[in-house]
Amino acid sequence: MGAFNTETLRQGIEGDKAANLLSLYADDAELRIVDRNTQPSNPRILHGRGEIGELLEDVYSRDIKAHKLEKCIVEGDQVAYTESCEYSDGMRVFAESMITLRDGKIAEQIMLQAWDE
C-alpha cells in the first residue's frame, strides 16, 4: 500500500478484507475504543496486530453494505479521521479516530464510536 496517507487509509477502510487495514498497523500498536459499552473510565484496549486483527476480521466478516472514510487530516505523525459504516439491515455506525504514527505505521489509535440503537 505504500507510505501512509489519506488514500492508503481510504483503501484500507473501504476495502473488503481486514488484511488491507491491518497492514497499516505497527506490530505493537494499541487501539483504545470508547463507546456505549466501553466508556472512558473503562475503554476496550487491544494490544498488538494480533488482537487488532481479530477485531478487524470480525468487522469485515459482517454483512456490510458500505464502509466509508468521511474526512481525514494528516499532520506529520498525527492523523484524525471520521468513518461511517452501513450494514445491509440498515444499521449505521459512525466513528472518529485519533492516530499517532511511528515509522509510517499506526502505533496508537483512540476510537470513539456510536451505533444506531
PDB file of N, CA and C in Angstrom:
ATOM      1  N   MET A   1       0.806  -1.204   0.000  1.00  0.00           N
ATOM      2  CA  MET A   1       0.000   0.000   0.000  1.00  0.00           C
ATOM      3  C   MET A   1       0.847   1.266   0.000  1.00  0.00           C
ATOM      4  N   GLY A   2       2.116   1.216   0.233  1.00  0.00           N
ATOM      5  CA  GLY A   2       2.960   2.400   0.175  1.00  0.00           C
ATOM      6  C   GLY A   2       2.938   3.203   1.455  1.00  0.00           C
ATOM      7  N   ALA A   3       3.427   4.459   1.371  1.00  0.00           N
ATOM      8  CA  ALA A   3       3.501   5.345   2.536  1.00  0.00           C
ATOM      9  C   ALA A   3       2.107   5.681   3.046  1.00  0.00           C
ATOM     10  N   PHE A   4       2.022   5.927   4.356  1.00  0.00           N
ATOM     11  CA  PHE A   4       0.732   6.258   4.961  1.00  0.00           C
ATOM     12  C   PHE A   4       0.278   7.626   4.475  1.00  0.00           C
ATOM     13  N   ASN A   5      -0.931   7.694   3.942  1.00  0.00           N
ATOM     14  CA  ASN A   5      -1.576   8.954   3.568  1.00  0.00           C
ATOM     15  C   ASN A   5      -3.079   8.718   3.536  1.00  0.00           C
ATOM     16  N   THR A   6      -3.825   9.741   3.207  1.00  0.00           N
ATOM     17  CA  THR A   6      -5.287   9.622   3.206  1.00  0.00           C
ATOM     18  C   THR A   6      -5.750   8.510   2.277  1.00  0.00           C
ATOM     19  N   GLU A   7      -5.132   8.391   1.131  1.00  0.00           N
ATOM     20  CA  GLU A   7      -5.576   7.381   0.167  1.00  0.00           C
ATOM     21  C   GLU A   7      -5.287   5.957   0.654  1.00  0.00           C
ATOM     22  N   THR A   8      -4.152   5.718   1.295  1.00  0.00           N
ATOM     23  CA  THR A   8      -3.883   4.375   1.811  1.00  0.00           C
ATOM     24  C   THR A   8      -4.861   4.027   2.935  1.00  0.00           C
ATOM     25  N   LEU A   9      -5.207   5.024   3.758  1.00  0.00           N
ATOM     26  CA  LEU A   9      -6.200   4.791   4.813  1.00  0.00           C
ATOM     27  C   LEU A   9      -7.556   4.499   4.180  1.00  0.00           C
ATOM     28  N   ARG A  10      -7.939   5.269   3.162  1.00  0.00           N
ATOM     29  CA  ARG A  10      -9.218   5.039   2.467  1.00  0.00           C
ATOM     30  C   ARG A  10      -9.257   3.615   1.892  1.00  0.00           C
ATOM     31  N   GLN A  11      -8.195   3.202   1.237  1.00  0.00           N
ATOM     32  CA  GLN A  11      -8.154   1.859   0.657  1.00  0.00           C
ATOM     33  C   GLN A  11      -8.294   0.791   1.736  1.00  0.00           C
ATOM     34  N   GLY A  12      -7.649   1.016   2.891  1.00  0.00           N
ATOM     35  CA  GLY A  12      -7.748   0.061   3.986  1.00  0.00           C
ATOM     36  C   GLY A  12      -9.145  -0.025   4.555  1.00  0.00           C
ATOM     37  N   ILE A  13      -9.752   1.117   4.822  1.00  0.00           N
ATOM     38  CA  ILE A  13     -11.092   1.153   5.424  1.00  0.00           C
ATOM     39  C   ILE A  13     -12.157   0.676   4.446  1.00  0.00           C
ATOM     40  N   GLU A  14     -12.098   1.149   3.216  1.00  0.00           N
ATOM     41  CA  GLU A  14     -13.156   0.858   2.246  1.00  0.00           C
ATOM     42  C   GLU A  14     -12.938  -0.456   1.510  1.00  0.00           C
ATOM     43  N   GLY A  15     -11.811  -1.110   1.752  1.00  0.00           N
ATOM     44  CA  GLY A  15     -11.545  -2.399   1.117  1.00  0.00           C
ATOM     45  C   GLY A  15     -12.449  -3.485   1.667  1.00  0.00           C
ATOM     46  N   ASP A  16     -12.316  -4.676   1.098  1.00  0.00           N
ATOM     47  CA  ASP A  16     -13.199  -5.771   1.500  1.00  0.00           C
ATOM     48  C   ASP A  16     -12.507  -6.826   2.355  1.00  0.00           C
ATOM     49  N   LYS A  17     -11.254  -6.550   2.761  1.00  0.00           N
ATOM     50  CA  LYS A  17     -10.513  -7.509   3.582  1.00  0.00           C
ATOM     51  C   LYS A  17      -9.889  -6.804   4.778  1.00  0.00           C
ATOM     52  N   ALA A  18      -9.922  -7.476   5.918  1.00  0.00           N
ATOM     53  CA  ALA A  18      -9.308  -6.936   7.128  1.00  0.00           C
ATOM     54  C   ALA A  18      -7.806  -6.735   6.943  1.00  0.00           C
ATOM     55  N   ALA A  19      -7.172  -7.596   6.173  1.00  0.00           N
ATOM     56  CA  ALA A  19      -5.718  -7.546   5.989  1.00  0.00           C
ATOM     57  C   ALA A  19      -5.262  -6.209   5.412  1.00  0.00           C
ATOM     58  N   ASN A  20      -6.069  -5.605   4.557  1.00  0.00           N
ATOM     59  CA  ASN A  20      -5.698  -4.306   3.970  1.00  0.00           C
ATOM     60  C   ASN A  20      -5.523  -3.251   5.050  1.00  0.00           C
ATOM     61  N   LEU A  21      -6.483  -3.156   5.949  1.00  0.00           N
ATOM     62  CA  LEU A  21      -6.410  -2.164   7.019  1.00  0.00           C
ATOM     63  C   LEU A  21      -5.370  -2.574   8.062  1.00  0.00           C
ATOM     64  N   LEU A  22      -5.297  -3.841   8.382  1.00  0.00           N
ATOM     65  CA  LEU A  22      -4.346  -4.322   9.378  1.00  0.00           C
ATOM     66  C   LEU A  22      -2.906  -4.032   8.965  1.00  0.00           C
ATOM     67  N   SER A  23      -2.631  -4.016   7.677  1.00  0.00           N
ATOM     68  CA  SER A  23      -1.270  -3.755   7.196  1.00  0.00           C
ATOM     69  C   SER A  23      -0.772  -2.363   7.558  1.00  0.00           C
ATOM     70  N   LEU A  24      -1.673  -1.472   7.946  1.00  0.00           N
ATOM     71  CA  LEU A  24      -1.289  -0.106   8.309  1.00  0.00           C
ATOM     72  C   LEU A  24      -0.827   0.008   9.763  1.00  0.00           C
ATOM     73  N   TYR A  25      -1.006  -1.049  10.564  1.00  0.00           N
ATOM     74  CA  TYR A  25      -0.678  -1.020  11.988  1.00  0.00           C
ATOM     75  C   TYR A  25       0.722  -1.550  12.266  1.00  0.00           C
ATOM     76  N   ALA A  26       1.394  -0.921  13.229  1.00  0.00           N
ATOM     77  CA  ALA A  26       2.679  -1.432  13.720  1.00  0.00           C
ATOM     78  C   ALA A  26       2.428  -2.737  14.487  1.00  0.00           C
ATOM     79  N   ASP A  27       3.441  -3.577  14.583  1.00  0.00           N
ATOM     80  CA  ASP A  27       3.301  -4.857  15.289  1.00  0.00           C
ATOM     81  C   ASP A  27       2.839  -4.672  16.728  1.00  0.00           C
ATOM     82  N   ASP A  28       3.292  -3.604  17.391  1.00  0.00           N
ATOM     83  CA  ASP A  28       2.970  -3.371  18.801  1.00  0.00           C
ATOM     84  C   ASP A  28       1.930  -2.266  18.995  1.00  0.00           C
ATOM     85  N   ALA A  29       1.105  -2.024  17.993  1.00  0.00           N
ATOM     86  CA  ALA A  29       0.098  -0.959  18.053  1.00  0.00           C
ATOM     87  C   ALA A  29      -0.881  -1.179  19.205  1.00  0.00           C
ATOM     88  N   GLU A  30      -1.469  -0.067  19.667  1.00  0.00           N
ATOM     89  CA  GLU A  30      -2.505  -0.118  20.690  1.00  0.00           C
ATOM     90  C   GLU A  30      -3.730   0.615  20.171  1.00  0.00           C
ATOM     91  N   LEU A  31      -4.896  -0.026  20.295  1.00  0.00           N
ATOM     92  CA  LEU A  31      -6.174   0.557  19.887  1.00  0.00           C
ATOM     93  C   LEU A  31      -7.060   0.650  21.116  1.00  0.00           C
ATOM     94  N   ARG A  32      -7.487   1.872  21.428  1.00  0.00           N
ATOM     95  CA  ARG A  32      -8.389   2.109  22.566  1.00  0.00           C
ATOM     96  C   ARG A  32      -9.745   2.504  22.000  1.00  0.00           C
ATOM     97  N   ILE A  33     -10.789   1.771  22.370  1.00  0.00           N
ATOM     98  CA  ILE A  33     -12.142   2.002  21.848  1.00  0.00           C
ATOM     99  C   ILE A  33     -13.047   2.484  22.969  1.00  0.00           C
ATOM    100  N   VAL A  34     -13.730   3.592  22.706  1.00  0.00           N
ATOM    101  CA  VAL A  34     -14.696   4.147  23.653  1.00  0.00           C
ATOM    102  C   VAL A  34     -16.044   4.196  22.944  1.00  0.00           C
ATOM    103  N   ASP A  35     -17.048   3.593  23.578  1.00  0.00           N
ATOM    104  CA  ASP A  35     -18.403   3.615  23.035  1.00  0.00           C
ATOM    105  C   ASP A  35     -19.396   3.431  24.175  1.00  0.00           C
ATOM    106  N   ARG A  36     -20.616   3.119  23.847  1.00  0.00           N
ATOM    107  CA  ARG A  36     -21.663   2.961  24.863  1.00  0.00           C
ATOM    108  C   ARG A  36     -21.317   1.874  25.873  1.00  0.00           C
ATOM    109  N   ASN A  37     -20.690   0.801  25.399  1.00  0.00           N
ATOM    110  CA  ASN A  37     -20.390  -0.340  26.256  1.00  0.00           C
ATOM    111  C   ASN A  37     -19.032  -0.255  26.936  1.00  0.00           C
ATOM    112  N   THR A  38     -18.103   0.457  26.349  1.00  0.00           N
ATOM    113  CA  THR A  38     -16.752   0.587  26.907  1.00  0.00           C
ATOM    114  C   THR A  38     -16.463   2.076  27.069  1.00  0.00           C
ATOM    115  N   GLN A  39     -16.944   2.614  28.152  1.00  0.00           N
ATOM    116  CA  GLN A  39     -16.915   4.049  28.386  1.00  0.00           C
ATOM    117  C   GLN A  39     -15.513   4.532  28.770  1.00  0.00           C
ATOM    118  N   PRO A  40     -15.296   5.863  28.791  1.00  0.00           N
ATOM    119  CA  PRO A  40     -13.957   6.416  29.015  1.00  0.00           C
ATOM    120  C   PRO A  40     -13.232   5.873  30.244  1.00  0.00           C
ATOM    121  N   SER A  41     -13.941   5.576  31.315  1.00  0.00           N
ATOM    122  CA  SER A  41     -13.280   5.083  32.523  1.00  0.00           C
ATOM    123  C   SER A  41     -12.856   3.617  32.405  1.00  0.00           C
ATOM    124  N   ASN A  42     -13.376   2.927  31.395  1.00  0.00           N
ATOM    125  CA  ASN A  42     -13.045   1.516  31.198  1.00  0.00           C
ATOM    126  C   ASN A  42     -13.087   1.172  29.706  1.00  0.00           C
ATOM    127  N   PRO A  43     -12.197   1.772  28.899  1.00  0.00           N
ATOM    128  CA  PRO A  43     -12.236   1.526  27.457  1.00  0.00           C
ATOM    129  C   PRO A  43     -11.785   0.110  27.115  1.00  0.00           C
ATOM    130  N   ARG A  44     -12.140  -0.328  25.926  1.00  0.00           N
ATOM    131  CA  ARG A  44     -11.616  -1.593  25.409  1.00  0.00           C
ATOM    132  C   ARG A  44     -10.243  -1.287  24.817  1.00  0.00           C
ATOM    133  N   ILE A  45      -9.217  -1.986  25.266  1.00  0.00           N
ATOM    134  CA  ILE A  45      -7.862  -1.734  24.777  1.00  0.00           C
ATOM    135  C   ILE A  45      -7.337  -3.008  24.133  1.00  0.00           C
ATOM    136  N   LEU A  46      -6.964  -2.896  22.868  1.00  0.00           N
ATOM    137  CA  LEU A  46      -6.386  -4.009  22.126  1.00  0.00           C
ATOM    138  C   LEU A  46      -4.899  -3.745  21.952  1.00  0.00           C
ATOM    139  N   HIS A  47      -4.086  -4.769  22.199  1.00  0.00           N
ATOM    140  CA  HIS A  47      -2.634  -4.645  22.118  1.00  0.00           C
ATOM    141  C   HIS A  47      -2.103  -5.505  20.983  1.00  0.00           C
ATOM    142  N   GLY A  48      -1.381  -4.884  20.070  1.00  0.00           N
ATOM    143  CA  GLY A  48      -0.704  -5.612  19.010  1.00  0.00           C
ATOM    144  C   GLY A  48      -1.587  -5.959  17.830  1.00  0.00           C
ATOM    145  N   ARG A  49      -0.909  -6.285  16.741  1.00  0.00           N
ATOM    146  CA  ARG A  49      -1.611  -6.612  15.499  1.00  0.00           C
ATOM    147  C   ARG A  49      -2.488  -7.851  15.635  1.00  0.00           C
ATOM    148  N   GLY A  50      -2.114  -8.787  16.507  1.00  0.00           N
ATOM    149  CA  GLY A  50      -2.926  -9.989  16.686  1.00  0.00           C
ATOM    150  C   GLY A  50      -4.322  -9.664  17.187  1.00  0.00           C
ATOM    151  N   GLU A  51      -4.403  -8.913  18.284  1.00  0.00           N
ATOM    152  CA  GLU A  51      -5.708  -8.547  18.856  1.00  0.00           C
ATOM    153  C   GLU A  51      -6.470  -7.610  17.925  1.00  0.00           C
ATOM    154  N   ILE A  52      -5.788  -6.644  17.341  1.00  0.00           N
ATOM    155  CA  ILE A  52      -6.449  -5.715  16.415  1.00  0.00           C
ATOM    156  C   ILE A  52      -6.946  -6.486  15.196  1.00  0.00           C
ATOM    157  N   GLY A  53      -6.150  -7.431  14.714  1.00  0.00           N
ATOM    158  CA  GLY A  53      -6.548  -8.245  13.572  1.00  0.00           C
ATOM    159  C   GLY A  53      -7.806  -9.055  13.842  1.00  0.00           C
ATOM    160  N   GLU A  54      -7.946  -9.597  15.050  1.00  0.00           N
ATOM    161  CA  GLU A  54      -9.156 -10.351  15.408  1.00  0.00           C
ATOM    162  C   GLU A  54     -10.386  -9.459  15.317  1.00  0.00           C
ATOM    163  N   LEU A  55     -10.270  -8.229  15.824  1.00  0.00           N
ATOM    164  CA  LEU A  55     -11.387  -7.282  15.741  1.00  0.00           C
ATOM    165  C   LEU A  55     -11.712  -6.979  14.282  1.00  0.00           C
ATOM    166  N   LEU A  56     -10.695  -6.670  13.494  1.00  0.00           N
ATOM    167  CA  LEU A  56     -10.931  -6.328  12.089  1.00  0.00           C
ATOM    168  C   LEU A  56     -11.505  -7.500  11.303  1.00  0.00           C
ATOM    169  N   GLU A  57     -11.040  -8.718  11.567  1.00  0.00           N
ATOM    170  CA  GLU A  57     -11.603  -9.898  10.897  1.00  0.00           C
ATOM    171  C   GLU A  57     -13.093 -10.019  11.209  1.00  0.00           C
ATOM    172  N   ASP A  58     -13.469  -9.769  12.468  1.00  0.00           N
ATOM    173  CA  ASP A  58     -14.881  -9.810  12.849  1.00  0.00           C
ATOM    174  C   ASP A  58     -15.669  -8.750  12.089  1.00  0.00           C
ATOM    175  N   VAL A  59     -15.163  -7.530  12.060  1.00  0.00           N
ATOM    176  CA  VAL A  59     -15.865  -6.429  11.376  1.00  0.00           C
ATOM    177  C   VAL A  59     -16.048  -6.747   9.890  1.00  0.00           C
ATOM    178  N   TYR A  60     -14.976  -7.153   9.231  1.00  0.00           N
ATOM    179  CA  TYR A  60     -15.047  -7.376   7.787  1.00  0.00           C
ATOM    180  C   TYR A  60     -15.770  -8.667   7.409  1.00  0.00           C
ATOM    181  N   SER A  61     -16.100  -9.519   8.388  1.00  0.00           N
ATOM    182  CA  SER A  61     -16.874 -10.721   8.100  1.00  0.00           C
ATOM    183  C   SER A  61     -18.382 -10.444   8.141  1.00  0.00           C
ATOM    184  N   ARG A  62     -18.759  -9.277   8.591  1.00  0.00           N
ATOM    185  CA  ARG A  62     -20.177  -8.925   8.712  1.00  0.00           C
ATOM    186  C   ARG A  62     -20.754  -8.508   7.364  1.00  0.00           C
ATOM    187  N   ASP A  63     -22.084  -8.470   7.299  1.00  0.00           N
ATOM    188  CA  ASP A  63     -22.792  -8.109   6.071  1.00  0.00           C
ATOM    189  C   ASP A  63     -22.849  -6.581   5.952  1.00  0.00           C
ATOM    190  N   ILE A  64     -21.761  -6.004   5.460  1.00  0.00           N
ATOM    191  CA  ILE A  64     -21.632  -4.552   5.368  1.00  0.00           C
ATOM    192  C   ILE A  64     -22.025  -4.087   3.972  1.00  0.00           C
ATOM    193  N   LYS A  65     -22.923  -3.115   3.933  1.00  0.00           N
ATOM    194  CA  LYS A  65     -23.344  -2.524   2.661  1.00  0.00           C
ATOM    195  C   LYS A  65     -22.325  -1.490   2.198  1.00  0.00           C
ATOM    196  N   ALA A  66     -21.845  -0.662   3.133  1.00  0.00           N
ATOM    197  CA  ALA A  66     -20.887   0.389   2.773  1.00  0.00           C
ATOM    198  C   ALA A  66     -20.032   0.748   3.980  1.00  0.00           C
ATOM    199  N   HIS A  67     -18.749   0.931   3.745  1.00  0.00           N
ATOM    200  CA  HIS A  67     -17.797   1.368   4.763  1.00  0.00           C
ATOM    201  C   HIS A  67     -17.021   2.505   4.117  1.00  0.00           C
ATOM    202  N   LYS A  68     -17.068   3.707   4.715  1.00  0.00           N
ATOM    203  CA  LYS A  68     -16.545   4.875   4.025  1.00  0.00           C
ATOM    204  C   LYS A  68     -15.698   5.750   4.937  1.00  0.00           C
ATOM    205  N   LEU A  69     -14.545   6.165   4.427  1.00  0.00           N
ATOM    206  CA  LEU A  69     -13.739   7.182   5.092  1.00  0.00           C
ATOM    207  C   LEU A  69     -14.384   8.520   4.755  1.00  0.00           C
ATOM    208  N   GLU A  70     -14.843   9.241   5.754  1.00  0.00           N
ATOM    209  CA  GLU A  70     -15.557  10.502   5.516  1.00  0.00           C
ATOM    210  C   GLU A  70     -14.582  11.676   5.382  1.00  0.00           C
ATOM    211  N   LYS A  71     -13.811  11.914   6.431  1.00  0.00           N
ATOM    212  CA  LYS A  71     -12.854  13.023   6.450  1.00  0.00           C
ATOM    213  C   LYS A  71     -11.561  12.535   7.063  1.00  0.00           C
ATOM    214  N   CYS A  72     -10.450  13.116   6.625  1.00  0.00           N
ATOM    215  CA  CYS A  72      -9.159  12.708   7.148  1.00  0.00           C
ATOM    216  C   CYS A  72      -8.191  13.878   7.090  1.00  0.00           C
ATOM    217  N   ILE A  73      -7.479  14.084   8.185  1.00  0.00           N
ATOM    218  CA  ILE A  73      -6.442  15.115   8.256  1.00  0.00           C
ATOM    219  C   ILE A  73      -5.153  14.433   8.710  1.00  0.00           C
ATOM    220  N   VAL A  74      -4.109  14.584   7.919  1.00  0.00           N
ATOM    221  CA  VAL A  74      -2.794  14.050   8.269  1.00  0.00           C
ATOM    222  C   VAL A  74      -1.881  15.234   8.507  1.00  0.00           C
ATOM    223  N   GLU A  75      -1.303  15.312   9.693  1.00  0.00           N
ATOM    224  CA  GLU A  75      -0.394  16.402  10.060  1.00  0.00           C
ATOM    225  C   GLU A  75       0.831  15.782  10.714  1.00  0.00           C
ATOM    226  N   GLY A  76       1.873  15.590   9.927  1.00  0.00           N
ATOM    227  CA  GLY A  76       3.066  14.940  10.460  1.00  0.00           C
ATOM    228  C   GLY A  76       2.750  13.519  10.863  1.00  0.00           C
ATOM    229  N   ASP A  77       3.004  13.178  12.130  1.00  0.00           N
ATOM    230  CA  ASP A  77       2.736  11.838  12.646  1.00  0.00           C
ATOM    231  C   ASP A  77       1.389  11.727  13.350  1.00  0.00           C
ATOM    232  N   GLN A  78       0.511  12.715  13.150  1.00  0.00           N
ATOM    233  CA  GLN A  78      -0.817  12.689  13.755  1.00  0.00           C
ATOM    234  C   GLN A  78      -1.865  12.626  12.647  1.00  0.00           C
ATOM    235  N   VAL A  79      -2.879  11.804  12.864  1.00  0.00           N
ATOM    236  CA  VAL A  79      -3.952  11.632  11.893  1.00  0.00           C
ATOM    237  C   VAL A  79      -5.277  11.675  12.645  1.00  0.00           C
ATOM    238  N   ALA A  80      -6.242  12.385  12.092  1.00  0.00           N
ATOM    239  CA  ALA A  80      -7.598  12.393  12.629  1.00  0.00           C
ATOM    240  C   ALA A  80      -8.540  12.069  11.476  1.00  0.00           C
ATOM    241  N   TYR A  81      -9.511  11.190  11.734  1.00  0.00           N
ATOM    242  CA  TYR A  81     -10.443  10.871  10.653  1.00  0.00           C
ATOM    243  C   TYR A  81     -11.788  10.423  11.200  1.00  0.00           C
ATOM    244  N   THR A  82     -12.789  10.505  10.332  1.00  0.00           N
ATOM    245  CA  THR A  82     -14.117  10.004  10.633  1.00  0.00           C
ATOM    246  C   THR A  82     -14.462   8.947   9.591  1.00  0.00           C
ATOM    247  N   GLU A  83     -15.211   7.957  10.032  1.00  0.00           N
ATOM    248  CA  GLU A  83     -15.649   6.911   9.117  1.00  0.00           C
ATOM    249  C   GLU A  83     -17.085   6.540   9.430  1.00  0.00           C
ATOM    250  N   SER A  84     -17.782   6.051   8.416  1.00  0.00           N
ATOM    251  CA  SER A  84     -19.156   5.600   8.607  1.00  0.00           C
ATOM    252  C   SER A  84     -19.298   4.213   8.010  1.00  0.00           C
ATOM    253  N   CYS A  85     -20.242   3.485   8.557  1.00  0.00           N
ATOM    254  CA  CYS A  85     -20.493   2.129   8.107  1.00  0.00           C
ATOM    255  C   CYS A  85     -21.997   1.910   8.096  1.00  0.00           C
ATOM    256  N   GLU A  86     -22.461   1.249   7.047  1.00  0.00           N
ATOM    257  CA  GLU A  86     -23.869   0.881   6.987  1.00  0.00           C
ATOM    258  C   GLU A  86     -23.961  -0.610   6.716  1.00  0.00           C
ATOM    259  N   TYR A  87     -24.711  -1.301   7.564  1.00  0.00           N
ATOM    260  CA  TYR A  87     -24.925  -2.723   7.384  1.00  0.00           C
ATOM    261  C   TYR A  87     -26.111  -2.941   6.458  1.00  0.00           C
ATOM    262  N   SER A  88     -26.205  -4.124   5.887  1.00  0.00           N
ATOM    263  CA  SER A  88     -27.280  -4.432   4.945  1.00  0.00           C
ATOM    264  C   SER A  88     -28.665  -4.307   5.566  1.00  0.00           C
ATOM    265  N   ASP A  89     -28.763  -4.471   6.898  1.00  0.00           N
ATOM    266  CA  ASP A  89     -30.062  -4.341   7.573  1.00  0.00           C
ATOM    267  C   ASP A  89     -30.412  -2.885   7.884  1.00  0.00           C
ATOM    268  N   GLY A  90     -29.542  -1.936   7.479  1.00  0.00           N
ATOM    269  CA  GLY A  90     -29.812  -0.512   7.688  1.00  0.00           C
ATOM    270  C   GLY A  90     -29.138   0.078   8.919  1.00  0.00           C
ATOM    271  N   MET A  91     -28.590  -0.752   9.816  1.00  0.00           N
ATOM    272  CA  MET A  91     -27.908  -0.238  10.997  1.00  0.00           C
ATOM    273  C   MET A  91     -26.686   0.566  10.563  1.00  0.00           C
ATOM    274  N   ARG A  92     -26.457   1.681  11.242  1.00  0.00           N
ATOM    275  CA  ARG A  92     -25.324   2.542  10.917  1.00  0.00           C
ATOM    276  C   ARG A  92     -24.411   2.706  12.126  1.00  0.00           C
ATOM    277  N   VAL A  93     -23.115   2.893  11.822  1.00  0.00           N
ATOM    278  CA  VAL A  93     -22.096   3.139  12.836  1.00  0.00           C
ATOM    279  C   VAL A  93     -21.296   4.345  12.361  1.00  0.00           C
ATOM    280  N   PHE A  94     -20.946   5.212  13.301  1.00  0.00           N
ATOM    281  CA  PHE A  94     -20.106   6.366  12.998  1.00  0.00           C
ATOM    282  C   PHE A  94     -18.956   6.358  13.996  1.00  0.00           C
ATOM    283  N   ALA A  95     -17.738   6.599  13.509  1.00  0.00           N
ATOM    284  CA  ALA A  95     -16.572   6.574  14.392  1.00  0.00           C
ATOM    285  C   ALA A  95     -15.623   7.712  14.057  1.00  0.00           C
ATOM    286  N   GLU A  96     -14.973   8.222  15.094  1.00  0.00           N
ATOM    287  CA  GLU A  96     -13.905   9.206  14.946  1.00  0.00           C
ATOM    288  C   GLU A  96     -12.667   8.615  15.587  1.00  0.00           C
ATOM    289  N   SER A  97     -11.525   8.790  14.920  1.00  0.00           N
ATOM    290  CA  SER A  97     -10.269   8.251  15.440  1.00  0.00           C
ATOM    291  C   SER A  97      -9.192   9.313  15.438  1.00  0.00           C
ATOM    292  N   MET A  98      -8.316   9.193  16.423  1.00  0.00           N
ATOM    293  CA  MET A  98      -7.099   9.989  16.525  1.00  0.00           C
ATOM    294  C   MET A  98      -5.962   8.998  16.550  1.00  0.00           C
ATOM    295  N   ILE A  99      -4.995   9.186  15.657  1.00  0.00           N
ATOM    296  CA  ILE A  99      -3.913   8.221  15.469  1.00  0.00           C
ATOM    297  C   ILE A  99      -2.567   8.896  15.653  1.00  0.00           C
ATOM    298  N   THR A 100      -1.624   8.140  16.204  1.00  0.00           N
ATOM    299  CA  THR A 100      -0.214   8.526  16.222  1.00  0.00           C
ATOM    300  C   THR A 100       0.531   7.514  15.372  1.00  0.00           C
ATOM    301  N   LEU A 101       1.306   8.018  14.417  1.00  0.00           N
ATOM    302  CA  LEU A 101       2.117   7.165  13.545  1.00  0.00           C
ATOM    303  C   LEU A 101       3.532   7.054  14.095  1.00  0.00           C
ATOM    304  N   ARG A 102       4.144   5.906  13.823  1.00  0.00           N
ATOM    305  CA  ARG A 102       5.563   5.712  14.113  1.00  0.00           C
ATOM    306  C   ARG A 102       6.144   4.976  12.911  1.00  0.00           C
ATOM    307  N   ASP A 103       7.125   5.578  12.280  1.00  0.00           N
ATOM    308  CA  ASP A 103       7.738   4.990  11.089  1.00  0.00           C
ATOM    309  C   ASP A 103       6.694   4.651  10.026  1.00  0.00           C
ATOM    310  N   GLY A 104       5.692   5.524   9.882  1.00  0.00           N
ATOM    311  CA  GLY A 104       4.679   5.355   8.847  1.00  0.00           C
ATOM    312  C   GLY A 104       3.600   4.336   9.143  1.00  0.00           C
ATOM    313  N   LYS A 105       3.591   3.772  10.346  1.00  0.00           N
ATOM    314  CA  LYS A 105       2.572   2.790  10.743  1.00  0.00           C
ATOM    315  C   LYS A 105       1.777   3.327  11.924  1.00  0.00           C
ATOM    316  N   ILE A 106       0.547   2.857  12.078  1.00  0.00           N
ATOM    317  CA  ILE A 106      -0.284   3.260  13.210  1.00  0.00           C
ATOM    318  C   ILE A 106       0.286   2.625  14.477  1.00  0.00           C
ATOM    319  N   ALA A 107       0.708   3.474  15.426  1.00  0.00           N
ATOM    320  CA  ALA A 107       1.255   2.998  16.693  1.00  0.00           C
ATOM    321  C   ALA A 107       0.205   3.068  17.800  1.00  0.00           C
ATOM    322  N   GLU A 108      -0.599   4.124  17.789  1.00  0.00           N
ATOM    323  CA  GLU A 108      -1.660   4.321  18.788  1.00  0.00           C
ATOM    324  C   GLU A 108      -2.893   4.858  18.097  1.00  0.00           C
ATOM    325  N   GLN A 109      -4.053   4.364  18.526  1.00  0.00           N
ATOM    326  CA  GLN A 109      -5.323   4.851  17.984  1.00  0.00           C
ATOM    327  C   GLN A 109      -6.336   4.918  19.107  1.00  0.00           C
ATOM    328  N   ILE A 110      -7.038   6.022  19.168  1.00  0.00           N
ATOM    329  CA  ILE A 110      -8.176   6.176  20.066  1.00  0.00           C
ATOM    330  C   ILE A 110      -9.396   6.328  19.182  1.00  0.00           C
ATOM    331  N   MET A 111     -10.375   5.454  19.351  1.00  0.00           N
ATOM    332  CA  MET A 111     -11.583   5.477  18.525  1.00  0.00           C
ATOM    333  C   MET A 111     -12.812   5.696  19.398  1.00  0.00           C
ATOM    334  N   LEU A 112     -13.618   6.669  19.029  1.00  0.00           N
ATOM    335  CA  LEU A 112     -14.919   6.889  19.645  1.00  0.00           C
ATOM    336  C   LEU A 112     -15.952   6.462  18.621  1.00  0.00           C
ATOM    337  N   GLN A 113     -16.890   5.588  19.014  1.00  0.00           N
ATOM    338  CA  GLN A 113     -17.868   5.111  18.054  1.00  0.00           C
ATOM    339  C   GLN A 113     -19.276   5.115  18.629  1.00  0.00           C
ATOM    340  N   ALA A 114     -20.233   5.319  17.736  1.00  0.00           N
ATOM    341  CA  ALA A 114     -21.645   5.300  18.111  1.00  0.00           C
ATOM    342  C   ALA A 114     -22.404   4.442  17.110  1.00  0.00           C
ATOM    343  N   TRP A 115     -23.274   3.587  17.635  1.00  0.00           N
ATOM    344  CA  TRP A 115     -24.093   2.691  16.824  1.00  0.00           C
ATOM    345  C   TRP A 115     -25.552   3.127  16.900  1.00  0.00           C
ATOM    346  N   ASP A 116     -26.323   2.880  15.833  1.00  0.00           N
ATOM    347  CA  ASP A 116     -27.776   3.019  15.909  1.00  0.00           C
ATOM    348  C   ASP A 116     -28.285   2.059  16.975  1.00  0.00           C
ATOM    349  N   GLU A 117     -29.283   2.493  17.701  1.00  0.00           N
ATOM    350  CA  GLU A 117     -29.867   1.606  18.712  1.00  0.00           C
ATOM    351  C   GLU A 117     -31.344   1.453  18.477  1.00  0.00           C
TER     352      GLU A 117
END
